[in-house]
């Protein structure tokens, strides 16, 4: 490898362990539809990842003994990554220079099914 390359220390949330927490506001304007919005963070080693979310769900079964719902969620994550410029000669780094923090937004979508059974 020869030449100068620019790298970001990007981390895939699929490849590391993390914990998420969020605060949501949810309304049910028309039964069985639910709409929600919120903010939160993915807590991980290094820089944490704040996010905003929009959610919608519909109840498929709503009985006293069981509830079944289908939910979708659009999450927009805000990543901060350190960028650096590395120069290689004979496959070895001969110079490295930090270029500062790069920030960008990344969308993600999730679909889930929830089953609720009351414990009696």
PDB file of N, CA and C in Angstrom:
ATOM      1  N   UNK A   1       0.859  -1.172   0.000  1.00  0.00           N
ATOM      2  CA  UNK A   1       0.000   0.000   0.000  1.00  0.00           C
ATOM      3  C   UNK A   1       0.901   1.228   0.000  1.00  0.00           C
ATOM      4  N   UNK A   2       0.638   2.113  -0.927  1.00  0.00           N
ATOM      5  CA  UNK A   2       1.395   3.347  -1.063  1.00  0.00           C
ATOM      6  C   UNK A   2       0.416   4.505  -1.145  1.00  0.00           C
ATOM      7  N   UNK A   3       0.797   5.659  -0.638  1.00  0.00           N
ATOM      8  CA  UNK A   3      -0.021   6.844  -0.817  1.00  0.00           C
ATOM      9  C   UNK A   3      -0.637   7.345   0.473  1.00  0.00           C
ATOM     10  N   UNK A   4      -1.503   8.348   0.324  1.00  0.00           N
ATOM     11  CA  UNK A   4      -2.174   8.993   1.456  1.00  0.00           C
ATOM     12  C   UNK A   4      -3.665   8.711   1.379  1.00  0.00           C
ATOM     13  N   UNK A   5      -4.232   8.288   2.504  1.00  0.00           N
ATOM     14  CA  UNK A   5      -5.644   7.909   2.574  1.00  0.00           C
ATOM     15  C   UNK A   5      -6.288   8.609   3.756  1.00  0.00           C
ATOM     16  N   UNK A   6      -7.585   8.867   3.634  1.00  0.00           N
ATOM     17  CA  UNK A   6      -8.354   9.476   4.726  1.00  0.00           C
ATOM     18  C   UNK A   6      -9.306   8.425   5.275  1.00  0.00           C
ATOM     19  N   UNK A   7      -9.312   8.272   6.613  1.00  0.00           N
ATOM     20  CA  UNK A   7     -10.122   7.272   7.296  1.00  0.00           C
ATOM     21  C   UNK A   7     -10.997   7.926   8.357  1.00  0.00           C
ATOM     22  N   UNK A   8     -12.202   7.401   8.545  1.00  0.00           N
ATOM     23  CA  UNK A   8     -13.061   7.750   9.679  1.00  0.00           C
ATOM     24  C   UNK A   8     -13.105   6.548  10.609  1.00  0.00           C
ATOM     25  N   UNK A   9     -13.182   6.793  11.916  1.00  0.00           N
ATOM     26  CA  UNK A   9     -13.235   5.677  12.870  1.00  0.00           C
ATOM     27  C   UNK A   9     -14.664   5.177  13.038  1.00  0.00           C
ATOM     28  N   UNK A  10     -15.387   5.041  11.944  1.00  0.00           N
ATOM     29  CA  UNK A  10     -16.787   4.617  11.972  1.00  0.00           C
ATOM     30  C   UNK A  10     -16.979   3.280  12.658  1.00  0.00           C
ATOM     31  N   UNK A  11     -18.068   3.179  13.406  1.00  0.00           N
ATOM     32  CA  UNK A  11     -18.395   1.960  14.130  1.00  0.00           C
ATOM     33  C   UNK A  11     -19.788   1.509  13.722  1.00  0.00           C
ATOM     34  N   UNK A  12     -19.922   0.264  13.368  1.00  0.00           N
ATOM     35  CA  UNK A  12     -21.237  -0.295  13.059  1.00  0.00           C
ATOM     36  C   UNK A  12     -21.891  -0.753  14.355  1.00  0.00           C
ATOM     37  N   UNK A  13     -23.118  -0.285  14.606  1.00  0.00           N
ATOM     38  CA  UNK A  13     -23.815  -0.726  15.810  1.00  0.00           C
ATOM     39  C   UNK A  13     -24.184  -2.208  15.737  1.00  0.00           C
ATOM     40  N   UNK A  14     -24.096  -2.804  14.548  1.00  0.00           N
ATOM     41  CA  UNK A  14     -24.342  -4.240  14.419  1.00  0.00           C
ATOM     42  C   UNK A  14     -23.150  -5.059  14.907  1.00  0.00           C
ATOM     43  N   UNK A  15     -21.977  -4.427  15.019  1.00  0.00           N
ATOM     44  CA  UNK A  15     -20.759  -5.163  15.357  1.00  0.00           C
ATOM     45  C   UNK A  15     -20.310  -4.974  16.803  1.00  0.00           C
ATOM     46  N   UNK A  16     -20.982  -4.126  17.574  1.00  0.00           N
ATOM     47  CA  UNK A  16     -20.547  -3.866  18.950  1.00  0.00           C
ATOM     48  C   UNK A  16     -21.726  -3.986  19.904  1.00  0.00           C
ATOM     49  N   UNK A  17     -21.406  -4.053  21.200  1.00  0.00           N
ATOM     50  CA  UNK A  17     -22.449  -4.075  22.220  1.00  0.00           C
ATOM     51  C   UNK A  17     -22.798  -2.637  22.603  1.00  0.00           C
ATOM     52  N   UNK A  18     -24.090  -2.390  22.808  1.00  0.00           N
ATOM     53  CA  UNK A  18     -24.537  -1.069  23.224  1.00  0.00           C
ATOM     54  C   UNK A  18     -25.880  -1.209  23.927  1.00  0.00           C
ATOM     55  N   UNK A  19     -26.254  -0.173  24.639  1.00  0.00           N
ATOM     56  CA  UNK A  19     -27.541  -0.112  25.344  1.00  0.00           C
ATOM     57  C   UNK A  19     -28.242   1.156  24.878  1.00  0.00           C
ATOM     58  N   UNK A  20     -29.547   1.072  24.623  1.00  0.00           N
ATOM     59  CA  UNK A  20     -30.292   2.264  24.230  1.00  0.00           C
ATOM     60  C   UNK A  20     -31.273   2.661  25.332  1.00  0.00           C
ATOM     61  N   UNK A  21     -31.482   3.947  25.445  1.00  0.00           N
ATOM     62  CA  UNK A  21     -32.524   4.496  26.315  1.00  0.00           C
ATOM     63  C   UNK A  21     -33.200   5.613  25.526  1.00  0.00           C
ATOM     64  N   UNK A  22     -34.510   5.752  25.704  1.00  0.00           N
ATOM     65  CA  UNK A  22     -35.188   6.868  25.055  1.00  0.00           C
ATOM     66  C   UNK A  22     -36.409   7.283  25.846  1.00  0.00           C
ATOM     67  N   UNK A  23     -36.865   8.481  25.534  1.00  0.00           N
ATOM     68  CA  UNK A  23     -38.088   9.042  26.093  1.00  0.00           C
ATOM     69  C   UNK A  23     -39.028   9.246  24.923  1.00  0.00           C
ATOM     70  N   UNK A  24     -40.259   8.723  25.061  1.00  0.00           N
ATOM     71  CA  UNK A  24     -41.230   8.794  23.960  1.00  0.00           C
ATOM     72  C   UNK A  24     -42.539   9.409  24.430  1.00  0.00           C
ATOM     73  N   UNK A  25     -43.186  10.062  23.492  1.00  0.00           N
ATOM     74  CA  UNK A  25     -44.537  10.559  23.694  1.00  0.00           C
ATOM     75  C   UNK A  25     -45.397   9.814  22.685  1.00  0.00           C
ATOM     76  N   UNK A  26     -46.445   9.158  23.164  1.00  0.00           N
ATOM     77  CA  UNK A  26     -47.280   8.346  22.279  1.00  0.00           C
ATOM     78  C   UNK A  26     -48.744   8.731  22.448  1.00  0.00           C
ATOM     79  N   UNK A  27     -49.468   8.776  21.335  1.00  0.00           N
ATOM     80  CA  UNK A  27     -50.901   9.067  21.346  1.00  0.00           C
ATOM     81  C   UNK A  27     -51.619   8.008  20.518  1.00  0.00           C
ATOM     82  N   UNK A  28     -52.887   7.840  20.818  1.00  0.00           N
ATOM     83  CA  UNK A  28     -53.731   6.913  20.048  1.00  0.00           C
ATOM     84  C   UNK A  28     -54.907   7.715  19.493  1.00  0.00           C
ATOM     85  N   UNK A  29     -54.689   8.419  18.353  1.00  0.00           N
ATOM     86  CA  UNK A  29     -55.745   9.282  17.823  1.00  0.00           C
ATOM     87  C   UNK A  29     -56.969   8.505  17.342  1.00  0.00           C
ATOM     88  N   UNK A  30     -56.760   7.362  16.759  1.00  0.00           N
ATOM     89  CA  UNK A  30     -57.845   6.500  16.282  1.00  0.00           C
ATOM     90  C   UNK A  30     -57.503   5.066  16.661  1.00  0.00           C
ATOM     91  N   UNK A  31     -58.296   4.472  17.491  1.00  0.00           N
ATOM     92  CA  UNK A  31     -58.049   3.063  17.812  1.00  0.00           C
ATOM     93  C   UNK A  31     -58.213   2.240  16.559  1.00  0.00           C
ATOM     94  N   UNK A  32     -57.381   1.352  16.218  1.00  0.00           N
ATOM     95  CA  UNK A  32     -56.283   0.763  16.971  1.00  0.00           C
ATOM     96  C   UNK A  32     -54.910   1.373  16.647  1.00  0.00           C
ATOM     97  N   UNK A  33     -54.854   2.562  16.012  1.00  0.00           N
ATOM     98  CA  UNK A  33     -53.594   3.186  15.598  1.00  0.00           C
ATOM     99  C   UNK A  33     -52.949   3.944  16.745  1.00  0.00           C
ATOM    100  N   UNK A  34     -51.612   3.826  16.853  1.00  0.00           N
ATOM    101  CA  UNK A  34     -50.819   4.588  17.817  1.00  0.00           C
ATOM    102  C   UNK A  34     -49.700   5.309  17.067  1.00  0.00           C
ATOM    103  N   UNK A  35     -49.420   6.543  17.455  1.00  0.00           N
ATOM    104  CA  UNK A  35     -48.328   7.329  16.884  1.00  0.00           C
ATOM    105  C   UNK A  35     -47.440   7.827  18.011  1.00  0.00           C
ATOM    106  N   UNK A  36     -46.131   7.882  17.761  1.00  0.00           N
ATOM    107  CA  UNK A  36     -45.224   8.326  18.805  1.00  0.00           C
ATOM    108  C   UNK A  36     -44.008   9.040  18.243  1.00  0.00           C
ATOM    109  N   UNK A  37     -43.326   9.768  19.121  1.00  0.00           N
ATOM    110  CA  UNK A  37     -42.084  10.454  18.778  1.00  0.00           C
ATOM    111  C   UNK A  37     -41.240  10.516  20.042  1.00  0.00           C
ATOM    112  N   UNK A  38     -39.921  10.593  19.860  1.00  0.00           N
ATOM    113  CA  UNK A  38     -39.064  10.660  21.029  1.00  0.00           C
ATOM    114  C   UNK A  38     -37.616  10.928  20.669  1.00  0.00           C
ATOM    115  N   UNK A  39     -36.784  10.961  21.704  1.00  0.00           N
ATOM    116  CA  UNK A  39     -35.339  11.124  21.576  1.00  0.00           C
ATOM    117  C   UNK A  39     -34.664  10.130  22.507  1.00  0.00           C
ATOM    118  N   UNK A  40     -33.427   9.792  22.184  1.00  0.00           N
ATOM    119  CA  UNK A  40     -32.703   8.851  23.023  1.00  0.00           C
ATOM    120  C   UNK A  40     -31.239   8.803  22.653  1.00  0.00           C
ATOM    121  N   UNK A  41     -30.558   7.745  23.141  1.00  0.00           N
ATOM    122  CA  UNK A  41     -29.139   7.565  22.855  1.00  0.00           C
ATOM    123  C   UNK A  41     -28.798   6.085  22.881  1.00  0.00           C
ATOM    124  N   UNK A  42     -27.828   5.721  22.039  1.00  0.00           N
ATOM    125  CA  UNK A  42     -27.209   4.399  22.090  1.00  0.00           C
ATOM    126  C   UNK A  42     -25.899   4.589  22.853  1.00  0.00           C
ATOM    127  N   UNK A  43     -25.806   3.970  24.022  1.00  0.00           N
ATOM    128  CA  UNK A  43     -24.642   4.118  24.893  1.00  0.00           C
ATOM    129  C   UNK A  43     -23.644   3.026  24.551  1.00  0.00           C
ATOM    130  N   UNK A  44     -22.423   3.415  24.221  1.00  0.00           N
ATOM    131  CA  UNK A  44     -21.389   2.454  23.833  1.00  0.00           C
ATOM    132  C   UNK A  44     -20.030   2.971  24.267  1.00  0.00           C
ATOM    133  N   UNK A  45     -19.008   2.129  24.135  1.00  0.00           N
ATOM    134  CA  UNK A  45     -17.651   2.599  24.392  1.00  0.00           C
ATOM    135  C   UNK A  45     -17.296   3.637  23.344  1.00  0.00           C
ATOM    136  N   UNK A  46     -16.605   4.674  23.745  1.00  0.00           N
ATOM    137  CA  UNK A  46     -16.282   5.745  22.801  1.00  0.00           C
ATOM    138  C   UNK A  46     -17.393   6.773  22.789  1.00  0.00           C
ATOM    139  N   UNK A  47     -17.664   7.319  21.634  1.00  0.00           N
ATOM    140  CA  UNK A  47     -18.704   8.350  21.506  1.00  0.00           C
ATOM    141  C   UNK A  47     -20.087   7.705  21.484  1.00  0.00           C
ATOM    142  N   UNK A  48     -20.992   8.225  22.313  1.00  0.00           N
ATOM    143  CA  UNK A  48     -22.369   7.742  22.309  1.00  0.00           C
ATOM    144  C   UNK A  48     -23.092   8.270  21.070  1.00  0.00           C
ATOM    145  N   UNK A  49     -24.215   7.648  20.734  1.00  0.00           N
ATOM    146  CA  UNK A  49     -24.934   7.983  19.507  1.00  0.00           C
ATOM    147  C   UNK A  49     -26.341   8.473  19.868  1.00  0.00           C
ATOM    148  N   UNK A  50     -26.582   9.795  19.876  1.00  0.00           N
ATOM    149  CA  UNK A  50     -27.937  10.287  20.119  1.00  0.00           C
ATOM    150  C   UNK A  50     -28.823  10.035  18.898  1.00  0.00           C
ATOM    151  N   UNK A  51     -30.136   9.966  19.132  1.00  0.00           N
ATOM    152  CA  UNK A  51     -31.057   9.742  18.015  1.00  0.00           C
ATOM    153  C   UNK A  51     -32.417  10.337  18.297  1.00  0.00           C
ATOM    154  N   UNK A  52     -33.176  10.543  17.219  1.00  0.00           N
ATOM    155  CA  UNK A  52     -34.578  10.919  17.287  1.00  0.00           C
ATOM    156  C   UNK A  52     -35.381   9.813  16.626  1.00  0.00           C
ATOM    157  N   UNK A  53     -36.649   9.684  16.983  1.00  0.00           N
ATOM    158  CA  UNK A  53     -37.442   8.602  16.401  1.00  0.00           C
ATOM    159  C   UNK A  53     -38.885   9.005  16.201  1.00  0.00           C
ATOM    160  N   UNK A  54     -39.491   8.382  15.194  1.00  0.00           N
ATOM    161  CA  UNK A  54     -40.928   8.459  14.930  1.00  0.00           C
ATOM    162  C   UNK A  54     -41.430   7.025  14.899  1.00  0.00           C
ATOM    163  N   UNK A  55     -42.548   6.762  15.548  1.00  0.00           N
ATOM    164  CA  UNK A  55     -43.063   5.389  15.631  1.00  0.00           C
ATOM    165  C   UNK A  55     -44.547   5.362  15.314  1.00  0.00           C
ATOM    166  N   UNK A  56     -44.998   4.230  14.802  1.00  0.00           N
ATOM    167  CA  UNK A  56     -46.418   3.996  14.539  1.00  0.00           C
ATOM    168  C   UNK A  56     -46.698   2.529  14.813  1.00  0.00           C
ATOM    169  N   UNK A  57     -47.879   2.265  15.306  1.00  0.00           N
ATOM    170  CA  UNK A  57     -48.259   0.885  15.583  1.00  0.00           C
ATOM    171  C   UNK A  57     -49.747   0.692  15.415  1.00  0.00           C
ATOM    172  N   UNK A  58     -50.113  -0.540  15.180  1.00  0.00           N
ATOM    173  CA  UNK A  58     -51.525  -0.874  15.043  1.00  0.00           C
ATOM    174  C   UNK A  58     -51.788  -2.152  15.832  1.00  0.00           C
ATOM    175  N   UNK A  59     -52.844  -2.139  16.635  1.00  0.00           N
ATOM    176  CA  UNK A  59     -53.234  -3.333  17.395  1.00  0.00           C
ATOM    177  C   UNK A  59     -53.992  -4.279  16.489  1.00  0.00           C
ATOM    178  N   UNK A  60     -53.522  -5.514  16.412  1.00  0.00           N
ATOM    179  CA  UNK A  60     -54.178  -6.528  15.598  1.00  0.00           C
ATOM    180  C   UNK A  60     -55.187  -7.321  16.417  1.00  0.00           C
ATOM    181  N   UNK A  61     -54.827  -7.585  17.683  1.00  0.00           N
ATOM    182  CA  UNK A  61     -55.712  -8.291  18.611  1.00  0.00           C
ATOM    183  C   UNK A  61     -55.674  -7.516  19.919  1.00  0.00           C
ATOM    184  N   UNK A  62     -56.840  -7.183  20.464  1.00  0.00           N
ATOM    185  CA  UNK A  62     -56.902  -6.443  21.729  1.00  0.00           C
ATOM    186  C   UNK A  62     -57.991  -7.061  22.601  1.00  0.00           C
ATOM    187  N   UNK A  63     -57.626  -8.118  23.308  1.00  0.00           N
ATOM    188  CA  UNK A  63     -58.546  -8.825  24.197  1.00  0.00           C
ATOM    189  C   UNK A  63     -57.992  -8.785  25.616  1.00  0.00           C
ATOM    190  N   UNK A  64     -58.810  -9.016  26.608  1.00  0.00           N
ATOM    191  CA  UNK A  64     -58.309  -8.994  27.986  1.00  0.00           C
ATOM    192  C   UNK A  64     -57.197 -10.014  28.243  1.00  0.00           C
ATOM    193  N   UNK A  65     -57.210 -11.131  27.526  1.00  0.00           N
ATOM    194  CA  UNK A  65     -56.220 -12.179  27.781  1.00  0.00           C
ATOM    195  C   UNK A  65     -54.941 -12.026  26.962  1.00  0.00           C
ATOM    196  N   UNK A  66     -54.991 -11.264  25.860  1.00  0.00           N
ATOM    197  CA  UNK A  66     -53.802 -11.104  25.011  1.00  0.00           C
ATOM    198  C   UNK A  66     -53.941  -9.866  24.132  1.00  0.00           C
ATOM    199  N   UNK A  67     -52.808  -9.203  23.903  1.00  0.00           N
ATOM    200  CA  UNK A  67     -52.748  -8.086  22.949  1.00  0.00           C
ATOM    201  C   UNK A  67     -51.635  -8.380  21.959  1.00  0.00           C
ATOM    202  N   UNK A  68     -51.905  -8.139  20.690  1.00  0.00           N
ATOM    203  CA  UNK A  68     -50.933  -8.351  19.636  1.00  0.00           C
ATOM    204  C   UNK A  68     -50.893  -7.099  18.779  1.00  0.00           C
ATOM    205  N   UNK A  69     -49.698  -6.541  18.578  1.00  0.00           N
ATOM    206  CA  UNK A  69     -49.598  -5.322  17.776  1.00  0.00           C
ATOM    207  C   UNK A  69     -48.395  -5.403  16.839  1.00  0.00           C
ATOM    208  N   UNK A  70     -48.515  -4.694  15.731  1.00  0.00           N
ATOM    209  CA  UNK A  70     -47.454  -4.572  14.742  1.00  0.00           C
ATOM    210  C   UNK A  70     -46.966  -3.124  14.787  1.00  0.00           C
ATOM    211  N   UNK A  71     -45.662  -2.933  14.944  1.00  0.00           N
ATOM    212  CA  UNK A  71     -45.097  -1.601  15.133  1.00  0.00           C
ATOM    213  C   UNK A  71     -43.972  -1.334  14.150  1.00  0.00           C
ATOM    214  N   UNK A  72     -43.835  -0.086  13.720  1.00  0.00           N
ATOM    215  CA  UNK A  72     -42.730   0.357  12.884  1.00  0.00           C
ATOM    216  C   UNK A  72     -42.099   1.588  13.496  1.00  0.00           C
ATOM    217  N   UNK A  73     -40.792   1.743  13.290  1.00  0.00           N
ATOM    218  CA  UNK A  73     -40.079   2.853  13.900  1.00  0.00           C
ATOM    219  C   UNK A  73     -38.999   3.367  12.956  1.00  0.00           C
ATOM    220  N   UNK A  74     -39.000   4.659  12.707  1.00  0.00           N
ATOM    221  CA  UNK A  74     -37.948   5.318  11.951  1.00  0.00           C
ATOM    222  C   UNK A  74     -37.043   6.028  12.954  1.00  0.00           C
ATOM    223  N   UNK A  75     -35.779   5.662  12.957  1.00  0.00           N
ATOM    224  CA  UNK A  75     -34.805   6.250  13.865  1.00  0.00           C
ATOM    225  C   UNK A  75     -33.746   6.962  13.036  1.00  0.00           C
ATOM    226  N   UNK A  76     -33.378   8.164  13.458  1.00  0.00           N
ATOM    227  CA  UNK A  76     -32.320   8.914  12.788  1.00  0.00           C
ATOM    228  C   UNK A  76     -31.203   9.113  13.810  1.00  0.00           C
ATOM    229  N   UNK A  77     -30.059   8.446  13.547  1.00  0.00           N
ATOM    230  CA  UNK A  77     -28.929   8.440  14.473  1.00  0.00           C
ATOM    231  C   UNK A  77     -27.906   9.499  14.086  1.00  0.00           C
ATOM    232  N   UNK A  78     -27.308  10.148  15.093  1.00  0.00           N
ATOM    233  CA  UNK A  78     -26.300  11.184  14.862  1.00  0.00           C
ATOM    234  C   UNK A  78     -24.932  10.646  15.284  1.00  0.00           C
ATOM    235  N   UNK A  79     -24.095  10.332  14.294  1.00  0.00           N
ATOM    236  CA  UNK A  79     -22.773   9.790  14.571  1.00  0.00           C
ATOM    237  C   UNK A  79     -21.721  10.892  14.572  1.00  0.00           C
ATOM    238  N   UNK A  80     -20.741  10.774  15.475  1.00  0.00           N
ATOM    239  CA  UNK A  80     -19.559  11.643  15.513  1.00  0.00           C
ATOM    240  C   UNK A  80     -18.349  10.726  15.411  1.00  0.00           C
ATOM    241  N   UNK A  81     -17.519  10.955  14.397  1.00  0.00           N
ATOM    242  CA  UNK A  81     -16.366  10.083  14.160  1.00  0.00           C
ATOM    243  C   UNK A  81     -15.109  10.918  13.985  1.00  0.00           C
ATOM    244  N   UNK A  82     -14.004  10.387  14.482  1.00  0.00           N
ATOM    245  CA  UNK A  82     -12.720  11.060  14.305  1.00  0.00           C
ATOM    246  C   UNK A  82     -12.178  10.719  12.915  1.00  0.00           C
ATOM    247  N   UNK A  83     -11.774  11.740  12.176  1.00  0.00           N
ATOM    248  CA  UNK A  83     -11.205  11.546  10.832  1.00  0.00           C
ATOM    249  C   UNK A  83      -9.696  11.770  10.919  1.00  0.00           C
ATOM    250  N   UNK A  84      -8.936  10.951  10.174  1.00  0.00           N
ATOM    251  CA  UNK A  84      -7.486  11.111  10.149  1.00  0.00           C
ATOM    252  C   UNK A  84      -6.964  10.854   8.737  1.00  0.00           C
ATOM    253  N   UNK A  85      -5.781  11.397   8.477  1.00  0.00           N
ATOM    254  CA  UNK A  85      -5.105  11.185   7.197  1.00  0.00           C
ATOM    255  C   UNK A  85      -3.836  10.385   7.479  1.00  0.00           C
ATOM    256  N   UNK A  86      -3.720   9.210   6.857  1.00  0.00           N
ATOM    257  CA  UNK A  86      -2.556   8.345   7.033  1.00  0.00           C
ATOM    258  C   UNK A  86      -1.806   8.241   5.714  1.00  0.00           C
ATOM    259  N   UNK A  87      -0.494   8.331   5.789  1.00  0.00           N
ATOM    260  CA  UNK A  87       0.359   8.150   4.620  1.00  0.00           C
ATOM    261  C   UNK A  87       1.128   6.848   4.779  1.00  0.00           C
ATOM    262  N   UNK A  88       1.039   6.006   3.747  1.00  0.00           N
ATOM    263  CA  UNK A  88       1.678   4.685   3.764  1.00  0.00           C
ATOM    264  C   UNK A  88       2.842   4.644   2.788  1.00  0.00           C
ATOM    265  N   UNK A  89       3.880   3.920   3.201  1.00  0.00           N
ATOM    266  CA  UNK A  89       5.001   3.622   2.319  1.00  0.00           C
ATOM    267  C   UNK A  89       5.429   2.198   2.619  1.00  0.00           C
ATOM    268  N   UNK A  90       5.458   1.345   1.611  1.00  0.00           N
ATOM    269  CA  UNK A  90       5.783  -0.071   1.784  1.00  0.00           C
ATOM    270  C   UNK A  90       4.875  -0.726   2.831  1.00  0.00           C
ATOM    271  N   UNK A  91       3.584  -0.434   2.769  1.00  0.00           N
ATOM    272  CA  UNK A  91       2.557  -0.997   3.651  1.00  0.00           C
ATOM    273  C   UNK A  91       2.716  -0.587   5.117  1.00  0.00           C
ATOM    274  N   UNK A  92       3.473   0.435   5.396  1.00  0.00           N
ATOM    275  CA  UNK A  92       3.654   0.918   6.764  1.00  0.00           C
ATOM    276  C   UNK A  92       3.225   2.376   6.842  1.00  0.00           C
ATOM    277  N   UNK A  93       2.629   2.763   7.980  1.00  0.00           N
ATOM    278  CA  UNK A  93       2.246   4.163   8.172  1.00  0.00           C
ATOM    279  C   UNK A  93       3.504   4.964   8.471  1.00  0.00           C
ATOM    280  N   UNK A  94       3.751   5.976   7.653  1.00  0.00           N
ATOM    281  CA  UNK A  94       4.910   6.840   7.876  1.00  0.00           C
ATOM    282  C   UNK A  94       4.489   8.212   8.402  1.00  0.00           C
ATOM    283  N   UNK A  95       3.202   8.540   8.299  1.00  0.00           N
ATOM    284  CA  UNK A  95       2.690   9.799   8.839  1.00  0.00           C
ATOM    285  C   UNK A  95       1.199   9.647   9.101  1.00  0.00           C
ATOM    286  N   UNK A  96       0.736  10.255  10.194  1.00  0.00           N
ATOM    287  CA  UNK A  96      -0.685  10.245  10.527  1.00  0.00           C
ATOM    288  C   UNK A  96      -1.049  11.608  11.088  1.00  0.00           C
ATOM    289  N   UNK A  97      -2.154  12.154  10.607  1.00  0.00           N
ATOM    290  CA  UNK A  97      -2.572  13.486  11.039  1.00  0.00           C
ATOM    291  C   UNK A  97      -4.057  13.473  11.355  1.00  0.00           C
ATOM    292  N   UNK A  98      -4.451  13.869  12.594  1.00  0.00           N
ATOM    293  CA  UNK A  98      -5.883  13.967  12.904  1.00  0.00           C
ATOM    294  C   UNK A  98      -6.503  15.138  12.148  1.00  0.00           C
ATOM    295  N   UNK A  99      -7.715  14.924  11.625  1.00  0.00           N
ATOM    296  CA  UNK A  99      -8.396  15.958  10.841  1.00  0.00           C
ATOM    297  C   UNK A  99      -9.648  16.483  11.535  1.00  0.00           C
ATOM    298  N   UNK A 100      -9.888  16.077  12.763  1.00  0.00           N
ATOM    299  CA  UNK A 100     -11.036  16.578  13.504  1.00  0.00           C
ATOM    300  C   UNK A 100     -12.205  15.600  13.516  1.00  0.00           C
ATOM    301  N   UNK A 101     -13.313  16.077  14.023  1.00  0.00           N
ATOM    302  CA  UNK A 101     -14.517  15.265  14.180  1.00  0.00           C
ATOM    303  C   UNK A 101     -15.453  15.491  12.987  1.00  0.00           C
ATOM    304  N   UNK A 102     -15.971  14.404  12.448  1.00  0.00           N
ATOM    305  CA  UNK A 102     -16.939  14.440  11.354  1.00  0.00           C
ATOM    306  C   UNK A 102     -18.279  13.985  11.916  1.00  0.00           C
ATOM    307  N   UNK A 103     -19.347  14.732  11.638  1.00  0.00           N
ATOM    308  CA  UNK A 103     -20.679  14.392  12.147  1.00  0.00           C
ATOM    309  C   UNK A 103     -21.618  14.138  10.967  1.00  0.00           C
ATOM    310  N   UNK A 104     -22.472  13.121  11.120  1.00  0.00           N
ATOM    311  CA  UNK A 104     -23.457  12.860  10.072  1.00  0.00           C
ATOM    312  C   UNK A 104     -24.658  12.125  10.656  1.00  0.00           C
ATOM    313  N   UNK A 105     -25.796  12.234   9.963  1.00  0.00           N
ATOM    314  CA  UNK A 105     -27.050  11.593  10.364  1.00  0.00           C
ATOM    315  C   UNK A 105     -27.256  10.348   9.509  1.00  0.00           C
ATOM    316  N   UNK A 106     -27.721   9.264  10.128  1.00  0.00           N
ATOM    317  CA  UNK A 106     -27.981   8.013   9.422  1.00  0.00           C
ATOM    318  C   UNK A 106     -29.364   7.499   9.811  1.00  0.00           C
ATOM    319  N   UNK A 107     -30.240   7.226   8.832  1.00  0.00           N
ATOM    320  CA  UNK A 107     -31.567   6.693   9.165  1.00  0.00           C
ATOM    321  C   UNK A 107     -31.542   5.170   9.335  1.00  0.00           C
ATOM    322  N   UNK A 108     -32.477   4.673  10.121  1.00  0.00           N
ATOM    323  CA  UNK A 108     -32.673   3.226  10.287  1.00  0.00           C
ATOM    324  C   UNK A 108     -34.168   2.991  10.466  1.00  0.00           C
ATOM    325  N   UNK A 109     -34.639   1.842  10.017  1.00  0.00           N
ATOM    326  CA  UNK A 109     -36.050   1.503  10.140  1.00  0.00           C
ATOM    327  C   UNK A 109     -36.178   0.115  10.765  1.00  0.00           C
ATOM    328  N   UNK A 110     -37.097  -0.032  11.685  1.00  0.00           N
ATOM    329  CA  UNK A 110     -37.317  -1.329  12.336  1.00  0.00           C
ATOM    330  C   UNK A 110     -38.810  -1.646  12.345  1.00  0.00           C
ATOM    331  N   UNK A 111     -39.115  -2.916  12.177  1.00  0.00           N
ATOM    332  CA  UNK A 111     -40.489  -3.408  12.277  1.00  0.00           C
ATOM    333  C   UNK A 111     -40.497  -4.474  13.360  1.00  0.00           C
ATOM    334  N   UNK A 112     -41.496  -4.412  14.220  1.00  0.00           N
ATOM    335  CA  UNK A 112     -41.573  -5.393  15.307  1.00  0.00           C
ATOM    336  C   UNK A 112     -42.993  -5.793  15.593  1.00  0.00           C
ATOM    337  N   UNK A 113     -43.122  -6.923  16.234  1.00  0.00           N
ATOM    338  CA  UNK A 113     -44.426  -7.418  16.653  1.00  0.00           C
ATOM    339  C   UNK A 113     -44.354  -7.607  18.168  1.00  0.00           C
ATOM    340  N   UNK A 114     -45.349  -7.091  18.874  1.00  0.00           N
ATOM    341  CA  UNK A 114     -45.401  -7.199  20.323  1.00  0.00           C
ATOM    342  C   UNK A 114     -46.580  -8.067  20.743  1.00  0.00           C
ATOM    343  N   UNK A 115     -46.302  -8.941  21.678  1.00  0.00           N
ATOM    344  CA  UNK A 115     -47.356  -9.770  22.283  1.00  0.00           C
ATOM    345  C   UNK A 115     -47.360  -9.436  23.773  1.00  0.00           C
ATOM    346  N   UNK A 116     -48.510  -9.055  24.279  1.00  0.00           N
ATOM    347  CA  UNK A 116     -48.672  -8.762  25.696  1.00  0.00           C
ATOM    348  C   UNK A 116     -49.665  -9.734  26.306  1.00  0.00           C
ATOM    349  N   UNK A 117     -49.216 -10.394  27.368  1.00  0.00           N
ATOM    350  CA  UNK A 117     -50.083 -11.341  28.082  1.00  0.00           C
ATOM    351  C   UNK A 117     -50.045 -10.941  29.554  1.00  0.00           C
ATOM    352  N   UNK A 118     -51.206 -10.590  30.137  1.00  0.00           N
ATOM    353  CA  UNK A 118     -51.195 -10.172  31.555  1.00  0.00           C
ATOM    354  C   UNK A 118     -50.882 -11.363  32.469  1.00  0.00           C
ATOM    355  N   UNK A 119     -50.109 -11.087  33.504  1.00  0.00           N
ATOM    356  CA  UNK A 119     -49.806 -12.110  34.511  1.00  0.00           C
ATOM    357  C   UNK A 119     -50.859 -12.038  35.609  1.00  0.00           C
ATOM    358  N   UNK A 120     -51.524 -13.136  35.824  1.00  0.00           N
ATOM    359  CA  UNK A 120     -52.592 -13.136  36.832  1.00  0.00           C
ATOM    360  C   UNK A 120     -52.302 -14.131  37.909  1.00  0.00           C
TER     361      UNK A 120
END
